[in-house]
Amino acid sequence: MEESVTYQAIVRKGRLAEARRFLLLIGEEQLGPPSEAARAAVNALEDVDRVEQLGKRLPHVDSWEKLLASPSRRRRNGRRGANA
């Protein structure tokens, strides 16, 4: 049963829901309650890896808007682009 496509889809969906819930919980602790727009943006995330990346960014931001903004791209040498 664990090998079935349906079972795996259910597991992924549950993992994503828990990751979103945890991000909102920890984020609220650090950033305060999310706006409806921020909550909707988190709940619209479809990739567990992206949710985990946002969780790693939490200590480095001071607002939901900054957390959910796309991170600036870095060059290969680790420096930000001239416009960043």
N, C-alpha and C. Protein backbone atom coordinates (compact mmCIF):
# COMPACT_ATOMS: atom_id res chain seq x y z
N MET A 1 0.81 -1.19 0.00
CA MET A 1 0.00 0.00 0.00
C MET A 1 0.86 1.26 0.00
N GLU A 2 1.94 1.27 0.76
CA GLU A 2 2.79 2.46 0.84
C GLU A 2 3.43 2.82 -0.49
N GLU A 3 3.51 1.87 -1.41
CA GLU A 3 4.09 2.14 -2.71
C GLU A 3 3.09 2.76 -3.68
N SER A 4 1.82 2.76 -3.34
CA SER A 4 0.80 3.26 -4.28
C SER A 4 0.94 4.76 -4.49
N VAL A 5 0.62 5.17 -5.71
CA VAL A 5 0.68 6.59 -6.08
C VAL A 5 -0.28 7.40 -5.22
N THR A 6 -1.45 6.87 -4.98
CA THR A 6 -2.46 7.57 -4.18
C THR A 6 -1.97 7.78 -2.76
N TYR A 7 -1.40 6.74 -2.17
CA TYR A 7 -0.88 6.84 -0.81
C TYR A 7 0.22 7.89 -0.73
N GLN A 8 1.14 7.87 -1.68
CA GLN A 8 2.23 8.84 -1.69
C GLN A 8 1.71 10.26 -1.85
N ALA A 9 0.69 10.45 -2.66
CA ALA A 9 0.09 11.79 -2.83
C ALA A 9 -0.53 12.27 -1.53
N ILE A 10 -1.18 11.40 -0.82
CA ILE A 10 -1.79 11.76 0.46
C ILE A 10 -0.71 12.13 1.47
N VAL A 11 0.37 11.38 1.50
CA VAL A 11 1.47 11.68 2.41
C VAL A 11 2.08 13.04 2.09
N ARG A 12 2.32 13.32 0.78
CA ARG A 12 2.89 14.62 0.38
C ARG A 12 1.97 15.76 0.77
N LYS A 13 0.67 15.57 0.55
CA LYS A 13 -0.29 16.62 0.88
C LYS A 13 -0.30 16.90 2.39
N GLY A 14 -0.24 15.84 3.18
CA GLY A 14 -0.20 16.00 4.63
C GLY A 14 1.08 16.67 5.10
N ARG A 15 2.20 16.30 4.49
CA ARG A 15 3.48 16.91 4.85
C ARG A 15 3.48 18.39 4.51
N LEU A 16 2.93 18.75 3.36
CA LEU A 16 2.85 20.15 2.96
C LEU A 16 1.96 20.94 3.92
N ALA A 17 0.82 20.39 4.28
CA ALA A 17 -0.09 21.07 5.20
C ALA A 17 0.58 21.31 6.55
N GLU A 18 1.31 20.33 7.05
CA GLU A 18 2.00 20.48 8.33
C GLU A 18 3.13 21.50 8.24
N ALA A 19 3.85 21.51 7.12
CA ALA A 19 4.94 22.47 6.93
C ALA A 19 4.39 23.89 6.91
N ARG A 20 3.29 24.09 6.21
CA ARG A 20 2.66 25.42 6.17
C ARG A 20 2.20 25.84 7.57
N ARG A 21 1.54 24.92 8.27
CA ARG A 21 1.04 25.21 9.61
C ARG A 21 2.18 25.59 10.55
N PHE A 22 3.29 24.85 10.46
CA PHE A 22 4.43 25.13 11.31
C PHE A 22 5.07 26.47 10.97
N LEU A 23 5.18 26.79 9.67
CA LEU A 23 5.73 28.09 9.27
C LEU A 23 4.88 29.23 9.82
N LEU A 24 3.57 29.10 9.73
CA LEU A 24 2.68 30.14 10.27
C LEU A 24 2.82 30.24 11.79
N LEU A 25 2.94 29.13 12.46
CA LEU A 25 3.06 29.11 13.92
C LEU A 25 4.36 29.77 14.37
N ILE A 26 5.47 29.33 13.81
CA ILE A 26 6.78 29.89 14.19
C ILE A 26 6.90 31.33 13.70
N GLY A 27 6.40 31.59 12.52
CA GLY A 27 6.44 32.96 11.99
C GLY A 27 5.66 33.92 12.86
N GLU A 28 4.51 33.50 13.35
CA GLU A 28 3.72 34.37 14.22
C GLU A 28 4.47 34.67 15.51
N GLU A 29 5.20 33.70 16.00
CA GLU A 29 6.00 33.89 17.22
C GLU A 29 7.06 34.96 17.00
N GLN A 30 7.67 34.98 15.82
CA GLN A 30 8.76 35.92 15.56
C GLN A 30 8.28 37.23 14.93
N LEU A 31 7.30 37.15 14.03
CA LEU A 31 6.92 38.32 13.24
C LEU A 31 5.57 38.92 13.62
N GLY A 32 4.86 38.25 14.49
CA GLY A 32 3.50 38.68 14.82
C GLY A 32 2.51 38.01 13.90
N PRO A 33 1.24 38.25 14.14
CA PRO A 33 0.21 37.59 13.32
C PRO A 33 0.35 37.96 11.85
N PRO A 34 0.22 36.98 10.97
CA PRO A 34 0.30 37.30 9.54
C PRO A 34 -0.96 38.00 9.07
N SER A 35 -0.80 38.87 8.09
CA SER A 35 -1.97 39.48 7.46
C SER A 35 -2.71 38.38 6.70
N GLU A 36 -3.92 38.69 6.28
CA GLU A 36 -4.67 37.71 5.48
C GLU A 36 -3.92 37.40 4.19
N ALA A 37 -3.28 38.42 3.61
CA ALA A 37 -2.52 38.21 2.37
C ALA A 37 -1.33 37.28 2.61
N ALA A 38 -0.63 37.47 3.72
CA ALA A 38 0.51 36.62 4.05
C ALA A 38 0.05 35.20 4.32
N ARG A 39 -1.04 35.06 5.07
CA ARG A 39 -1.58 33.73 5.37
C ARG A 39 -1.98 33.02 4.06
N ALA A 40 -2.62 33.75 3.16
CA ALA A 40 -3.03 33.18 1.89
C ALA A 40 -1.81 32.78 1.05
N ALA A 41 -0.75 33.61 1.10
CA ALA A 41 0.46 33.29 0.34
C ALA A 41 1.11 32.02 0.87
N VAL A 42 1.17 31.87 2.18
CA VAL A 42 1.74 30.65 2.77
C VAL A 42 0.88 29.45 2.39
N ASN A 43 -0.43 29.59 2.50
CA ASN A 43 -1.32 28.47 2.20
C ASN A 43 -1.35 28.13 0.71
N ALA A 44 -0.87 29.03 -0.13
CA ALA A 44 -0.83 28.77 -1.57
C ALA A 44 0.46 28.05 -1.98
N LEU A 45 1.43 27.97 -1.08
CA LEU A 45 2.69 27.29 -1.40
C LEU A 45 2.42 25.82 -1.69
N GLU A 46 3.02 25.30 -2.74
CA GLU A 46 2.79 23.93 -3.17
C GLU A 46 4.02 23.04 -3.07
N ASP A 47 5.10 23.56 -2.49
CA ASP A 47 6.36 22.83 -2.46
C ASP A 47 6.92 22.84 -1.03
N VAL A 48 7.06 21.68 -0.43
CA VAL A 48 7.57 21.58 0.94
C VAL A 48 8.97 22.20 1.03
N ASP A 49 9.80 22.00 0.02
CA ASP A 49 11.14 22.58 0.05
C ASP A 49 11.09 24.09 0.15
N ARG A 50 10.16 24.71 -0.57
CA ARG A 50 10.02 26.18 -0.51
C ARG A 50 9.58 26.61 0.89
N VAL A 51 8.67 25.89 1.49
CA VAL A 51 8.22 26.22 2.85
C VAL A 51 9.40 26.10 3.82
N GLU A 52 10.21 25.07 3.65
CA GLU A 52 11.38 24.90 4.51
C GLU A 52 12.40 26.02 4.31
N GLN A 53 12.59 26.46 3.06
CA GLN A 53 13.50 27.58 2.80
C GLN A 53 13.01 28.84 3.52
N LEU A 54 11.70 29.07 3.49
CA LEU A 54 11.15 30.23 4.19
C LEU A 54 11.38 30.11 5.69
N GLY A 55 11.24 28.92 6.21
CA GLY A 55 11.50 28.70 7.63
C GLY A 55 12.94 29.04 8.00
N LYS A 56 13.87 28.71 7.14
CA LYS A 56 15.28 29.04 7.38
C LYS A 56 15.52 30.53 7.33
N ARG A 57 14.70 31.25 6.56
CA ARG A 57 14.87 32.71 6.44
C ARG A 57 14.27 33.47 7.61
N LEU A 58 13.41 32.84 8.38
CA LEU A 58 12.72 33.53 9.47
C LEU A 58 13.64 34.35 10.38
N PRO A 59 14.77 33.80 10.83
CA PRO A 59 15.62 34.59 11.73
C PRO A 59 16.24 35.83 11.09
N HIS A 60 16.15 35.93 9.77
CA HIS A 60 16.84 37.00 9.06
C HIS A 60 15.92 38.10 8.54
N VAL A 61 14.64 38.03 8.83
CA VAL A 61 13.69 39.03 8.36
C VAL A 61 12.90 39.60 9.53
N ASP A 62 12.28 40.75 9.29
CA ASP A 62 11.50 41.37 10.36
C ASP A 62 10.04 41.62 9.99
N SER A 63 9.60 41.01 8.88
CA SER A 63 8.19 41.14 8.51
C SER A 63 7.79 39.98 7.61
N TRP A 64 6.50 39.73 7.58
CA TRP A 64 5.96 38.69 6.70
C TRP A 64 6.23 39.04 5.25
N GLU A 65 6.14 40.33 4.92
CA GLU A 65 6.35 40.76 3.54
C GLU A 65 7.77 40.43 3.09
N LYS A 66 8.75 40.69 3.96
CA LYS A 66 10.13 40.39 3.61
C LYS A 66 10.35 38.88 3.52
N LEU A 67 9.72 38.15 4.40
CA LEU A 67 9.86 36.69 4.37
C LEU A 67 9.35 36.13 3.06
N LEU A 68 8.20 36.61 2.62
CA LEU A 68 7.55 36.05 1.44
C LEU A 68 8.06 36.63 0.13
N ALA A 69 8.83 37.72 0.20
CA ALA A 69 9.41 38.29 -1.02
C ALA A 69 10.45 37.33 -1.57
N SER A 70 10.57 37.30 -2.86
CA SER A 70 11.58 36.44 -3.47
C SER A 70 12.95 36.90 -3.02
N PRO A 71 13.81 35.97 -2.61
CA PRO A 71 15.15 36.37 -2.20
C PRO A 71 15.92 36.91 -3.38
N SER A 72 16.81 37.88 -3.11
CA SER A 72 17.62 38.43 -4.19
C SER A 72 18.55 37.35 -4.71
N ARG A 73 18.80 37.40 -6.00
CA ARG A 73 19.69 36.41 -6.60
C ARG A 73 21.12 36.77 -6.26
N ARG A 74 21.91 35.75 -6.06
CA ARG A 74 23.33 35.96 -5.79
C ARG A 74 24.15 35.46 -6.97
N ARG A 75 25.25 36.14 -7.19
CA ARG A 75 26.16 35.69 -8.23
C ARG A 75 26.93 34.48 -7.74
N ARG A 76 27.66 33.87 -8.63
CA ARG A 76 28.45 32.69 -8.26
C ARG A 76 29.43 32.98 -7.15
N ASN A 77 29.98 34.21 -7.10
CA ASN A 77 30.96 34.53 -6.09
C ASN A 77 30.32 34.87 -4.74
N GLY A 78 29.00 34.75 -4.67
CA GLY A 78 28.29 34.99 -3.41
C GLY A 78 27.87 36.42 -3.19
N ARG A 79 28.25 37.31 -4.10
CA ARG A 79 27.87 38.72 -3.96
C ARG A 79 26.54 38.97 -4.64
N ARG A 80 25.82 39.91 -4.11
CA ARG A 80 24.56 40.29 -4.74
C ARG A 80 24.85 41.09 -6.00
N GLY A 81 23.88 41.05 -6.89
CA GLY A 81 24.02 41.82 -8.13
C GLY A 81 24.06 43.32 -7.84
N ALA A 82 24.48 44.10 -8.78
CA ALA A 82 24.64 45.55 -8.62
C ALA A 82 23.33 46.22 -8.27
N ASN A 83 22.20 45.67 -8.69
CA ASN A 83 20.91 46.28 -8.44
C ASN A 83 20.27 45.80 -7.16
N ALA A 84 20.89 44.93 -6.44
CA ALA A 84 20.29 44.35 -5.24
C ALA A 84 20.52 45.21 -4.04
